[in-house]
Each structure stands twice: as structure tokens, then as C-alpha cells.
Amino acid sequence: MTGFRRGVRLGIDVGRARVGVARCDPDGMLATPVETVPRNDDSIRRIVALAEEYEASELLVGLPLNMRGEDTASTTDARSFAAALSAASELPIRLVDERLSTVSAHAALRDSGRTQRSSRSIVDQVAAVVLLQQALDVEKSTGRPAGSPVPPAQEPA
């Protein structure tokens, strides 16, 4: 496992109504669901609190590009959310390509016998698990962190 950085990471799946949060163990072996955070004025504060609670070393925010790898309205929203997180936390934040994470989450829940309606409350957490696990697997296989860093928020002059 050359080049793999130890430490708990949080995976964050940003949606318009809810934000799914997942975490991994310090060795990056397994991503597990944590919480579905309602998307409101307290979302950033709650995620920062979860990062502190789990002693996270990094936050990975899903970047929902379209299938051609282009930005969408959701991509812009995720970038804005990541920037707000960066302003509220001193942790490093990376944007990771999460194409298909929500689709994969819905498929996994459907395969487990859950209806879309009964899955609504947890699909965001499962999508966060999928994007975090993919990022961990990329880092393990390449020795490089997945995604791209969000620049730290600038102090006002």
C-alpha cells in the first residue's frame, strides 16, 4: 500500500435537499454511512462538527460531472458547498468525481429489496459511501489522492 495516507476521511454527497455523509476507518479499508444532513443554513456547521467528532483528516466532496465530464448546475452547487466548507474548516478538502455514485447507491438499495421511497432517507449516505470508497480505492491503486484540492479560503484583506 505505497503512498496511501492514513487517517479518517469523510465523504460528502451534496444534494439540493440533503447531504449524505460517510466515513472511513484510519486505514482506509472500509467506508461506512454516518448521517444524512438536511440541506439548510446549518449544513456546513453540522459537517464540521462531524469531522471533529470523527477526527477526520480530510473531507472528500463529490463532484457530480455529467457523463462527458462537464460541469452542470449540480457541479457548481457542489463547488460552492466545498468552498463554504473550506471557509468553515481548516481541514484539507478535495473534490472527487462522483459520476454514477447516486445511480450506484440506488441500484445497491434496489438490489437489497428497498423501494425508492423507503431508500430516500439513506440514499445520500450510500452515495457518500460509494464516492468515498471509490476515492480510497483510487489512492490505494495509484498512490495519489483522488480528485483535486479545494484551495483554502482566503483571509479577507
N, C-alpha and C. Protein backbone atom coordinates (compact mmCIF):
# COMPACT_ATOMS: atom_id res chain seq x y z
N MET A 1 0.83 -1.19 0.00
CA MET A 1 0.00 0.00 0.00
C MET A 1 0.87 1.25 0.00
N THR A 2 1.74 1.36 -0.97
CA THR A 2 2.63 2.52 -1.01
C THR A 2 1.86 3.79 -1.30
N GLY A 3 2.21 4.82 -0.60
CA GLY A 3 1.63 6.12 -0.87
C GLY A 3 0.26 6.36 -0.28
N PHE A 4 -0.33 5.38 0.40
CA PHE A 4 -1.65 5.62 0.99
C PHE A 4 -1.48 6.37 2.30
N ARG A 5 -2.21 7.47 2.42
CA ARG A 5 -2.14 8.30 3.62
C ARG A 5 -3.14 7.79 4.64
N ARG A 6 -2.67 7.54 5.86
CA ARG A 6 -3.58 7.10 6.92
C ARG A 6 -4.44 8.26 7.36
N GLY A 7 -5.58 7.93 7.94
CA GLY A 7 -6.44 8.96 8.52
C GLY A 7 -7.88 8.77 8.13
N VAL A 8 -8.76 9.13 9.05
CA VAL A 8 -10.20 9.08 8.78
C VAL A 8 -10.53 10.17 7.77
N ARG A 9 -11.32 9.81 6.79
CA ARG A 9 -11.81 10.79 5.82
C ARG A 9 -13.33 10.76 5.83
N LEU A 10 -13.94 11.90 5.57
CA LEU A 10 -15.38 11.94 5.39
C LEU A 10 -15.67 12.13 3.91
N GLY A 11 -16.62 11.34 3.41
CA GLY A 11 -17.12 11.51 2.06
C GLY A 11 -18.43 12.27 2.14
N ILE A 12 -18.60 13.25 1.26
CA ILE A 12 -19.77 14.14 1.34
C ILE A 12 -20.45 14.19 -0.03
N ASP A 13 -21.70 13.73 -0.06
CA ASP A 13 -22.51 13.75 -1.28
C ASP A 13 -23.51 14.90 -1.14
N VAL A 14 -23.28 15.97 -1.91
CA VAL A 14 -24.08 17.19 -1.79
C VAL A 14 -25.30 17.09 -2.70
N GLY A 15 -26.47 17.21 -2.11
CA GLY A 15 -27.70 17.25 -2.87
C GLY A 15 -28.45 18.53 -2.58
N ARG A 16 -29.49 18.79 -3.34
CA ARG A 16 -30.26 20.03 -3.14
C ARG A 16 -31.02 20.03 -1.82
N ALA A 17 -31.53 18.86 -1.40
CA ALA A 17 -32.33 18.78 -0.17
C ALA A 17 -31.57 18.18 1.00
N ARG A 18 -30.62 17.28 0.69
CA ARG A 18 -29.90 16.55 1.73
C ARG A 18 -28.43 16.40 1.36
N VAL A 19 -27.60 16.21 2.39
CA VAL A 19 -26.17 15.98 2.20
C VAL A 19 -25.85 14.65 2.88
N GLY A 20 -25.39 13.69 2.10
CA GLY A 20 -25.00 12.40 2.66
C GLY A 20 -23.58 12.46 3.17
N VAL A 21 -23.34 11.85 4.33
CA VAL A 21 -22.00 11.83 4.91
C VAL A 21 -21.62 10.39 5.23
N ALA A 22 -20.40 10.02 4.83
CA ALA A 22 -19.84 8.70 5.13
C ALA A 22 -18.45 8.91 5.71
N ARG A 23 -17.92 7.88 6.35
CA ARG A 23 -16.55 7.97 6.88
C ARG A 23 -15.83 6.68 6.61
N CYS A 24 -14.52 6.73 6.72
CA CYS A 24 -13.73 5.50 6.63
C CYS A 24 -12.92 5.37 7.90
N ASP A 25 -12.41 4.16 8.12
CA ASP A 25 -11.52 3.91 9.25
C ASP A 25 -10.16 4.53 8.95
N PRO A 26 -9.27 4.67 9.95
CA PRO A 26 -7.98 5.33 9.72
C PRO A 26 -7.11 4.64 8.66
N ASP A 27 -7.32 3.34 8.44
CA ASP A 27 -6.54 2.63 7.43
C ASP A 27 -7.18 2.69 6.05
N GLY A 28 -8.34 3.33 5.94
CA GLY A 28 -9.00 3.46 4.65
C GLY A 28 -9.49 2.15 4.07
N MET A 29 -9.80 1.20 4.93
CA MET A 29 -10.25 -0.10 4.45
C MET A 29 -11.71 -0.09 4.01
N LEU A 30 -12.55 0.60 4.79
CA LEU A 30 -13.98 0.50 4.54
C LEU A 30 -14.69 1.82 4.80
N ALA A 31 -15.51 2.22 3.84
CA ALA A 31 -16.34 3.41 4.00
C ALA A 31 -17.69 2.97 4.55
N THR A 32 -18.21 3.69 5.55
CA THR A 32 -19.49 3.36 6.16
C THR A 32 -20.35 4.62 6.27
N PRO A 33 -21.69 4.45 6.21
CA PRO A 33 -22.58 5.61 6.32
C PRO A 33 -22.51 6.25 7.69
N VAL A 34 -22.67 7.58 7.75
CA VAL A 34 -22.67 8.31 9.01
C VAL A 34 -24.02 8.96 9.26
N GLU A 35 -24.43 9.83 8.34
CA GLU A 35 -25.61 10.65 8.61
C GLU A 35 -26.09 11.30 7.32
N THR A 36 -27.40 11.56 7.26
CA THR A 36 -27.96 12.40 6.21
C THR A 36 -28.26 13.75 6.86
N VAL A 37 -27.59 14.78 6.38
CA VAL A 37 -27.72 16.12 6.94
C VAL A 37 -28.70 16.91 6.08
N PRO A 38 -29.75 17.48 6.67
CA PRO A 38 -30.66 18.32 5.88
C PRO A 38 -29.87 19.49 5.28
N ARG A 39 -30.19 19.84 4.04
CA ARG A 39 -29.50 20.95 3.38
C ARG A 39 -30.18 22.25 3.81
N ASN A 40 -29.50 22.98 4.70
CA ASN A 40 -30.03 24.26 5.17
C ASN A 40 -28.87 25.11 5.69
N ASP A 41 -29.18 26.15 6.40
CA ASP A 41 -28.14 27.07 6.88
C ASP A 41 -27.18 26.42 7.88
N ASP A 42 -27.58 25.29 8.47
CA ASP A 42 -26.73 24.61 9.46
C ASP A 42 -25.92 23.46 8.87
N SER A 43 -26.08 23.16 7.58
CA SER A 43 -25.41 22.00 6.98
C SER A 43 -23.90 22.04 7.16
N ILE A 44 -23.29 23.16 6.84
CA ILE A 44 -21.82 23.28 6.93
C ILE A 44 -21.38 23.08 8.38
N ARG A 45 -22.06 23.73 9.30
CA ARG A 45 -21.71 23.62 10.72
C ARG A 45 -21.80 22.16 11.19
N ARG A 46 -22.85 21.45 10.75
CA ARG A 46 -23.03 20.06 11.16
C ARG A 46 -21.91 19.17 10.59
N ILE A 47 -21.52 19.40 9.36
CA ILE A 47 -20.46 18.58 8.76
C ILE A 47 -19.12 18.86 9.44
N VAL A 48 -18.85 20.11 9.76
CA VAL A 48 -17.63 20.44 10.50
C VAL A 48 -17.64 19.75 11.86
N ALA A 49 -18.80 19.72 12.53
CA ALA A 49 -18.92 19.03 13.82
C ALA A 49 -18.67 17.53 13.66
N LEU A 50 -19.21 16.93 12.60
CA LEU A 50 -18.97 15.50 12.35
C LEU A 50 -17.48 15.25 12.08
N ALA A 51 -16.84 16.13 11.34
CA ALA A 51 -15.41 15.99 11.07
C ALA A 51 -14.61 16.01 12.37
N GLU A 52 -15.01 16.89 13.29
CA GLU A 52 -14.33 16.95 14.59
C GLU A 52 -14.62 15.70 15.40
N GLU A 53 -15.88 15.28 15.41
CA GLU A 53 -16.29 14.11 16.18
C GLU A 53 -15.52 12.85 15.74
N TYR A 54 -15.35 12.69 14.44
CA TYR A 54 -14.66 11.50 13.91
C TYR A 54 -13.17 11.73 13.72
N GLU A 55 -12.67 12.90 14.12
CA GLU A 55 -11.26 13.25 14.00
C GLU A 55 -10.77 13.03 12.57
N ALA A 56 -11.55 13.57 11.63
CA ALA A 56 -11.23 13.43 10.22
C ALA A 56 -9.95 14.18 9.87
N SER A 57 -9.21 13.64 8.92
CA SER A 57 -8.00 14.29 8.44
C SER A 57 -8.24 14.98 7.10
N GLU A 58 -9.38 14.67 6.46
CA GLU A 58 -9.66 15.23 5.14
C GLU A 58 -11.14 15.06 4.83
N LEU A 59 -11.68 15.99 4.02
CA LEU A 59 -13.06 15.90 3.56
C LEU A 59 -13.06 15.73 2.05
N LEU A 60 -13.82 14.76 1.57
CA LEU A 60 -13.91 14.50 0.13
C LEU A 60 -15.33 14.81 -0.31
N VAL A 61 -15.47 15.84 -1.12
CA VAL A 61 -16.78 16.28 -1.59
C VAL A 61 -16.98 15.76 -3.01
N GLY A 62 -18.11 15.10 -3.23
CA GLY A 62 -18.41 14.56 -4.55
C GLY A 62 -18.68 15.67 -5.55
N LEU A 63 -18.10 15.51 -6.74
CA LEU A 63 -18.27 16.48 -7.83
C LEU A 63 -19.09 15.81 -8.93
N PRO A 64 -20.38 16.17 -9.02
CA PRO A 64 -21.27 15.49 -9.97
C PRO A 64 -21.14 16.02 -11.40
N LEU A 65 -20.12 15.57 -12.11
CA LEU A 65 -19.95 15.94 -13.51
C LEU A 65 -20.94 15.14 -14.36
N ASN A 66 -21.23 15.63 -15.56
CA ASN A 66 -22.09 14.82 -16.43
C ASN A 66 -21.25 13.72 -17.08
N MET A 67 -21.86 12.87 -17.86
CA MET A 67 -21.14 11.71 -18.41
C MET A 67 -20.00 12.10 -19.35
N ARG A 68 -20.03 13.32 -19.87
CA ARG A 68 -18.93 13.80 -20.72
C ARG A 68 -17.86 14.49 -19.90
N GLY A 69 -18.03 14.50 -18.57
CA GLY A 69 -17.04 15.13 -17.70
C GLY A 69 -17.18 16.63 -17.61
N GLU A 70 -18.37 17.14 -17.98
CA GLU A 70 -18.60 18.58 -17.97
C GLU A 70 -19.37 18.99 -16.72
N ASP A 71 -19.24 20.27 -16.38
CA ASP A 71 -19.97 20.82 -15.23
C ASP A 71 -21.47 20.92 -15.53
N THR A 72 -22.26 20.82 -14.47
CA THR A 72 -23.70 21.00 -14.53
C THR A 72 -24.07 21.97 -13.40
N ALA A 73 -25.35 22.27 -13.26
CA ALA A 73 -25.78 23.12 -12.14
C ALA A 73 -25.41 22.46 -10.81
N SER A 74 -25.53 21.13 -10.74
CA SER A 74 -25.18 20.40 -9.51
C SER A 74 -23.68 20.49 -9.22
N THR A 75 -22.86 20.52 -10.28
CA THR A 75 -21.41 20.64 -10.11
C THR A 75 -21.08 21.99 -9.47
N THR A 76 -21.70 23.04 -10.00
CA THR A 76 -21.49 24.39 -9.46
C THR A 76 -21.92 24.44 -8.00
N ASP A 77 -23.05 23.81 -7.69
CA ASP A 77 -23.55 23.76 -6.31
C ASP A 77 -22.54 23.04 -5.40
N ALA A 78 -22.00 21.91 -5.85
CA ALA A 78 -21.04 21.15 -5.05
C ALA A 78 -19.76 21.96 -4.83
N ARG A 79 -19.30 22.67 -5.87
CA ARG A 79 -18.10 23.51 -5.72
C ARG A 79 -18.34 24.61 -4.69
N SER A 80 -19.53 25.23 -4.74
CA SER A 80 -19.87 26.29 -3.78
C SER A 80 -19.92 25.73 -2.37
N PHE A 81 -20.51 24.53 -2.22
CA PHE A 81 -20.60 23.89 -0.91
C PHE A 81 -19.18 23.60 -0.38
N ALA A 82 -18.31 23.09 -1.25
CA ALA A 82 -16.92 22.79 -0.85
C ALA A 82 -16.19 24.06 -0.44
N ALA A 83 -16.43 25.15 -1.15
CA ALA A 83 -15.80 26.43 -0.80
C ALA A 83 -16.29 26.92 0.56
N ALA A 84 -17.58 26.75 0.82
CA ALA A 84 -18.13 27.14 2.13
C ALA A 84 -17.54 26.27 3.24
N LEU A 85 -17.37 24.98 2.96
CA LEU A 85 -16.73 24.08 3.93
C LEU A 85 -15.30 24.54 4.21
N SER A 86 -14.60 24.90 3.14
CA SER A 86 -13.22 25.34 3.27
C SER A 86 -13.12 26.58 4.15
N ALA A 87 -14.12 27.47 4.04
CA ALA A 87 -14.12 28.68 4.86
C ALA A 87 -14.42 28.38 6.32
N ALA A 88 -15.11 27.26 6.57
CA ALA A 88 -15.54 26.93 7.94
C ALA A 88 -14.62 25.92 8.64
N SER A 89 -13.73 25.29 7.89
CA SER A 89 -12.89 24.23 8.45
C SER A 89 -11.45 24.41 7.96
N GLU A 90 -10.51 24.01 8.79
CA GLU A 90 -9.11 24.08 8.39
C GLU A 90 -8.64 22.78 7.74
N LEU A 91 -9.54 21.79 7.65
CA LEU A 91 -9.17 20.51 7.05
C LEU A 91 -8.97 20.64 5.55
N PRO A 92 -8.07 19.83 4.99
CA PRO A 92 -7.97 19.81 3.53
C PRO A 92 -9.26 19.22 2.94
N ILE A 93 -9.68 19.79 1.83
CA ILE A 93 -10.90 19.35 1.15
C ILE A 93 -10.54 19.05 -0.30
N ARG A 94 -11.03 17.90 -0.79
CA ARG A 94 -10.79 17.53 -2.18
C ARG A 94 -12.13 17.29 -2.86
N LEU A 95 -12.21 17.71 -4.12
CA LEU A 95 -13.37 17.43 -4.95
C LEU A 95 -13.07 16.17 -5.74
N VAL A 96 -13.95 15.17 -5.63
CA VAL A 96 -13.73 13.91 -6.34
C VAL A 96 -14.89 13.62 -7.29
N ASP A 97 -14.53 13.16 -8.46
CA ASP A 97 -15.52 12.81 -9.48
C ASP A 97 -16.43 11.75 -8.91
N GLU A 98 -17.73 12.03 -8.90
CA GLU A 98 -18.67 11.07 -8.31
C GLU A 98 -19.71 10.64 -9.33
N ARG A 99 -19.34 10.70 -10.61
CA ARG A 99 -20.30 10.23 -11.62
C ARG A 99 -20.77 8.84 -11.24
N LEU A 100 -22.04 8.65 -11.28
CA LEU A 100 -22.68 7.36 -11.02
C LEU A 100 -22.77 6.96 -9.55
N SER A 101 -22.26 7.75 -8.61
CA SER A 101 -22.35 7.32 -7.21
C SER A 101 -23.80 7.21 -6.75
N THR A 102 -24.64 8.19 -7.13
CA THR A 102 -26.05 8.13 -6.72
C THR A 102 -26.76 7.01 -7.47
N VAL A 103 -26.42 6.83 -8.75
CA VAL A 103 -27.01 5.73 -9.52
C VAL A 103 -26.61 4.40 -8.89
N SER A 104 -25.34 4.25 -8.53
CA SER A 104 -24.86 3.02 -7.87
C SER A 104 -25.55 2.81 -6.53
N ALA A 105 -25.76 3.90 -5.80
CA ALA A 105 -26.42 3.81 -4.49
C ALA A 105 -27.86 3.32 -4.66
N HIS A 106 -28.59 3.91 -5.62
CA HIS A 106 -29.97 3.47 -5.87
C HIS A 106 -30.00 2.00 -6.28
N ALA A 107 -29.06 1.59 -7.14
CA ALA A 107 -29.02 0.19 -7.59
C ALA A 107 -28.75 -0.75 -6.42
N ALA A 108 -27.81 -0.38 -5.55
CA ALA A 108 -27.49 -1.23 -4.40
C ALA A 108 -28.69 -1.36 -3.47
N LEU A 109 -29.39 -0.25 -3.24
CA LEU A 109 -30.56 -0.29 -2.36
C LEU A 109 -31.69 -1.11 -3.00
N ARG A 110 -31.86 -0.95 -4.31
CA ARG A 110 -32.89 -1.73 -5.02
C ARG A 110 -32.55 -3.22 -4.93
N ASP A 111 -31.27 -3.55 -5.13
CA ASP A 111 -30.83 -4.95 -5.06
C ASP A 111 -31.04 -5.53 -3.67
N SER A 112 -31.04 -4.67 -2.64
CA SER A 112 -31.25 -5.16 -1.28
C SER A 112 -32.73 -5.25 -0.94
N GLY A 113 -33.59 -4.95 -1.93
CA GLY A 113 -35.02 -5.10 -1.72
C GLY A 113 -35.74 -3.86 -1.24
N ARG A 114 -35.07 -2.73 -1.20
CA ARG A 114 -35.71 -1.50 -0.73
C ARG A 114 -36.35 -0.77 -1.91
N THR A 115 -37.48 -0.15 -1.64
CA THR A 115 -38.12 0.67 -2.67
C THR A 115 -37.43 2.03 -2.69
N GLN A 116 -37.63 2.76 -3.78
CA GLN A 116 -37.04 4.09 -3.87
C GLN A 116 -37.56 4.98 -2.74
N ARG A 117 -38.85 4.86 -2.43
CA ARG A 117 -39.44 5.68 -1.36
C ARG A 117 -38.80 5.35 -0.01
N SER A 118 -38.62 4.07 0.29
CA SER A 118 -38.05 3.70 1.60
C SER A 118 -36.56 3.98 1.66
N SER A 119 -35.94 4.22 0.51
CA SER A 119 -34.50 4.48 0.47
C SER A 119 -34.16 5.96 0.56
N ARG A 120 -35.16 6.82 0.38
CA ARG A 120 -34.90 8.26 0.26
C ARG A 120 -34.05 8.79 1.40
N SER A 121 -34.31 8.33 2.62
CA SER A 121 -33.61 8.88 3.78
C SER A 121 -32.15 8.44 3.86
N ILE A 122 -31.81 7.34 3.18
CA ILE A 122 -30.42 6.86 3.29
C ILE A 122 -29.65 6.86 1.99
N VAL A 123 -30.32 7.13 0.85
CA VAL A 123 -29.61 7.05 -0.43
C VAL A 123 -28.43 8.02 -0.48
N ASP A 124 -28.55 9.19 0.16
CA ASP A 124 -27.46 10.16 0.15
C ASP A 124 -26.25 9.63 0.93
N GLN A 125 -26.51 8.92 2.05
CA GLN A 125 -25.41 8.32 2.81
C GLN A 125 -24.74 7.23 1.98
N VAL A 126 -25.55 6.42 1.29
CA VAL A 126 -24.99 5.34 0.48
C VAL A 126 -24.17 5.93 -0.67
N ALA A 127 -24.67 7.01 -1.29
CA ALA A 127 -23.90 7.67 -2.36
C ALA A 127 -22.58 8.20 -1.81
N ALA A 128 -22.59 8.73 -0.57
CA ALA A 128 -21.35 9.21 0.06
C ALA A 128 -20.40 8.05 0.29
N VAL A 129 -20.93 6.89 0.69
CA VAL A 129 -20.10 5.69 0.88
C VAL A 129 -19.45 5.31 -0.45
N VAL A 130 -20.25 5.30 -1.53
CA VAL A 130 -19.74 4.91 -2.85
C VAL A 130 -18.62 5.86 -3.29
N LEU A 131 -18.84 7.17 -3.18
CA LEU A 131 -17.81 8.11 -3.65
C LEU A 131 -16.56 8.03 -2.78
N LEU A 132 -16.72 7.84 -1.47
CA LEU A 132 -15.57 7.73 -0.57
C LEU A 132 -14.79 6.44 -0.87
N GLN A 133 -15.51 5.32 -1.03
CA GLN A 133 -14.83 4.05 -1.31
C GLN A 133 -14.07 4.12 -2.64
N GLN A 134 -14.69 4.75 -3.65
CA GLN A 134 -14.01 4.90 -4.94
C GLN A 134 -12.73 5.72 -4.78
N ALA A 135 -12.81 6.82 -4.00
CA ALA A 135 -11.64 7.67 -3.78
C ALA A 135 -10.53 6.91 -3.04
N LEU A 136 -10.91 6.12 -2.04
CA LEU A 136 -9.93 5.32 -1.30
C LEU A 136 -9.26 4.30 -2.22
N ASP A 137 -10.07 3.65 -3.07
CA ASP A 137 -9.54 2.64 -3.99
C ASP A 137 -8.58 3.27 -5.00
N VAL A 138 -8.92 4.48 -5.49
CA VAL A 138 -8.03 5.18 -6.43
C VAL A 138 -6.70 5.47 -5.75
N GLU A 139 -6.75 5.97 -4.52
CA GLU A 139 -5.49 6.30 -3.83
C GLU A 139 -4.66 5.06 -3.57
N LYS A 140 -5.32 3.96 -3.20
CA LYS A 140 -4.58 2.72 -2.95
C LYS A 140 -3.93 2.20 -4.23
N SER A 141 -4.63 2.30 -5.35
CA SER A 141 -4.09 1.73 -6.60
C SER A 141 -3.06 2.63 -7.27
N THR A 142 -3.16 3.96 -7.07
CA THR A 142 -2.24 4.87 -7.76
C THR A 142 -1.18 5.48 -6.83
N GLY A 143 -1.46 5.45 -5.52
CA GLY A 143 -0.55 6.10 -4.58
C GLY A 143 -0.76 7.60 -4.51
N ARG A 144 -1.76 8.11 -5.24
CA ARG A 144 -2.06 9.54 -5.24
C ARG A 144 -3.48 9.77 -4.78
N PRO A 145 -3.73 10.86 -4.03
CA PRO A 145 -5.09 11.15 -3.60
C PRO A 145 -6.01 11.37 -4.81
N ALA A 146 -7.25 10.94 -4.68
CA ALA A 146 -8.24 11.14 -5.74
C ALA A 146 -8.66 12.60 -5.77
N GLY A 147 -9.09 13.05 -6.93
CA GLY A 147 -9.70 14.37 -7.05
C GLY A 147 -8.69 15.51 -7.03
N SER A 148 -9.22 16.69 -6.81
CA SER A 148 -8.38 17.89 -6.80
C SER A 148 -8.64 18.70 -5.53
N PRO A 149 -7.58 19.31 -4.99
CA PRO A 149 -7.76 20.06 -3.74
C PRO A 149 -8.58 21.33 -3.94
N VAL A 150 -9.39 21.65 -2.93
CA VAL A 150 -10.08 22.94 -2.88
C VAL A 150 -9.10 23.90 -2.22
N PRO A 151 -8.80 25.02 -2.85
CA PRO A 151 -7.87 25.94 -2.21
C PRO A 151 -8.43 26.43 -0.88
N PRO A 152 -7.56 26.60 0.12
CA PRO A 152 -8.04 27.11 1.41
C PRO A 152 -8.70 28.48 1.21
N ALA A 153 -9.72 28.74 2.02
CA ALA A 153 -10.41 30.03 1.94
C ALA A 153 -9.41 31.14 2.27
N GLN A 154 -9.48 32.21 1.52
CA GLN A 154 -8.57 33.34 1.72
C GLN A 154 -9.07 34.21 2.86
N GLU A 155 -8.15 34.67 3.68
CA GLU A 155 -8.50 35.61 4.74
C GLU A 155 -8.83 36.95 4.11
N PRO A 156 -9.89 37.62 4.56
CA PRO A 156 -10.17 38.94 3.99
C PRO A 156 -9.03 39.91 4.28
N ALA A 157 -8.69 40.73 3.31
CA ALA A 157 -7.54 41.65 3.46
C ALA A 157 -7.87 42.81 4.35
